[in-house]
Protein backbone atom coordinates (compact mmCIF):
# COMPACT_ATOMS: atom_id res chain seq x y z
CA MET A 1 100.84 -88.62 39.54
CA TRP A 2 104.43 -88.29 40.77
CA ILE A 3 107.66 -89.06 38.97
CA SER A 4 109.97 -91.52 40.73
CA VAL A 5 113.60 -91.81 39.64
CA ALA A 6 115.87 -94.63 40.88
CA LEU A 7 119.64 -94.43 40.40
CA ALA A 8 122.30 -96.99 41.31
CA THR A 9 125.50 -95.77 42.95
CA ASP A 10 128.13 -96.73 45.50
CA ALA A 11 128.39 -95.73 49.16
CA VAL A 12 130.92 -92.96 48.40
CA ARG A 13 128.54 -91.07 46.09
CA ALA A 14 125.10 -91.83 47.55
CA GLU A 15 124.88 -88.85 49.95
CA ALA A 16 126.16 -86.32 47.38
CA LEU A 17 123.74 -87.67 44.78
CA SER A 18 120.89 -87.42 47.28
CA GLU A 19 121.76 -83.80 48.10
CA ALA A 20 122.07 -82.90 44.41
CA LEU A 21 118.63 -84.35 43.66
CA LEU A 22 117.10 -82.34 46.51
CA ALA A 23 118.85 -79.20 45.27
CA HIS A 24 117.31 -79.80 41.84
CA GLY A 25 113.72 -80.06 43.02
CA ALA A 26 113.21 -83.55 44.40
CA LEU A 27 110.44 -83.60 46.99
CA SER A 28 112.05 -86.52 48.79
CA VAL A 29 115.02 -88.81 48.42
CA SER A 30 115.73 -92.19 50.00
CA ILE A 31 118.86 -94.29 49.99
CA GLU A 32 118.26 -98.04 49.99
CA ASP A 33 120.27 -101.23 49.76
CA ALA A 34 120.57 -102.04 46.05
CA TRP A 35 120.79 -105.71 47.00
CA ALA A 36 117.69 -105.74 49.24
CA ASP A 37 115.72 -108.98 49.18
CA SER A 38 118.67 -110.91 47.78
CA GLU A 39 121.41 -113.08 49.27
CA ARG A 40 123.75 -110.07 49.09
CA GLU A 41 121.50 -107.81 51.21
CA GLN A 42 123.46 -105.86 53.84
CA PRO A 43 121.30 -105.31 56.94
CA GLN A 44 121.95 -102.22 59.02
CA TYR A 45 120.97 -102.07 62.65
CA GLY A 46 120.63 -99.12 64.97
CA GLU A 47 118.26 -97.10 67.08
CA PRO A 48 115.34 -95.42 65.30
CA GLY A 49 116.38 -92.00 64.09
CA SER A 50 120.11 -92.71 64.36
CA LEU A 51 122.36 -92.63 61.32
CA PRO A 52 124.11 -95.83 60.26
CA ASP A 53 127.90 -96.09 60.52
CA SER A 54 128.11 -96.41 56.74
CA LEU A 55 125.87 -96.75 53.72
CA TRP A 56 125.44 -99.89 51.68
CA GLU A 57 128.27 -100.89 49.38
CA GLN A 58 125.82 -100.59 46.47
CA SER A 59 122.94 -98.20 46.99
CA ARG A 60 119.74 -97.32 45.19
CA VAL A 61 118.91 -93.61 45.44
CA VAL A 62 115.21 -93.01 44.85
CA ALA A 63 113.91 -89.47 44.27
CA LEU A 64 110.33 -88.27 44.00
CA PHE A 65 109.47 -85.29 41.78
CA GLU A 66 106.29 -83.43 40.97
CA PRO A 67 105.16 -83.96 37.39
CA ALA A 68 106.63 -81.32 35.08
CA GLU A 69 107.14 -80.67 31.41
CA ASP A 70 110.92 -80.34 31.81
CA LEU A 71 112.75 -81.81 34.81
CA ILE A 72 116.19 -81.15 33.33
CA GLY A 73 115.77 -77.41 32.70
């Protein structure tokens, strides 16, 4: 069993939050459109493997951790 944590943030803080989660033991982190599957979804287009020009106005940062007694410590 893994522990998945999802946090809402804006485009300005999404990368820093992602890096902080990785620095604190996250196995993986993804940044997604917080408005995905809604009328406010913001599609991003580009070549596979290329970085987008900007992140979504509102992002969902999802981190995956191994199960542990104390994730904060």
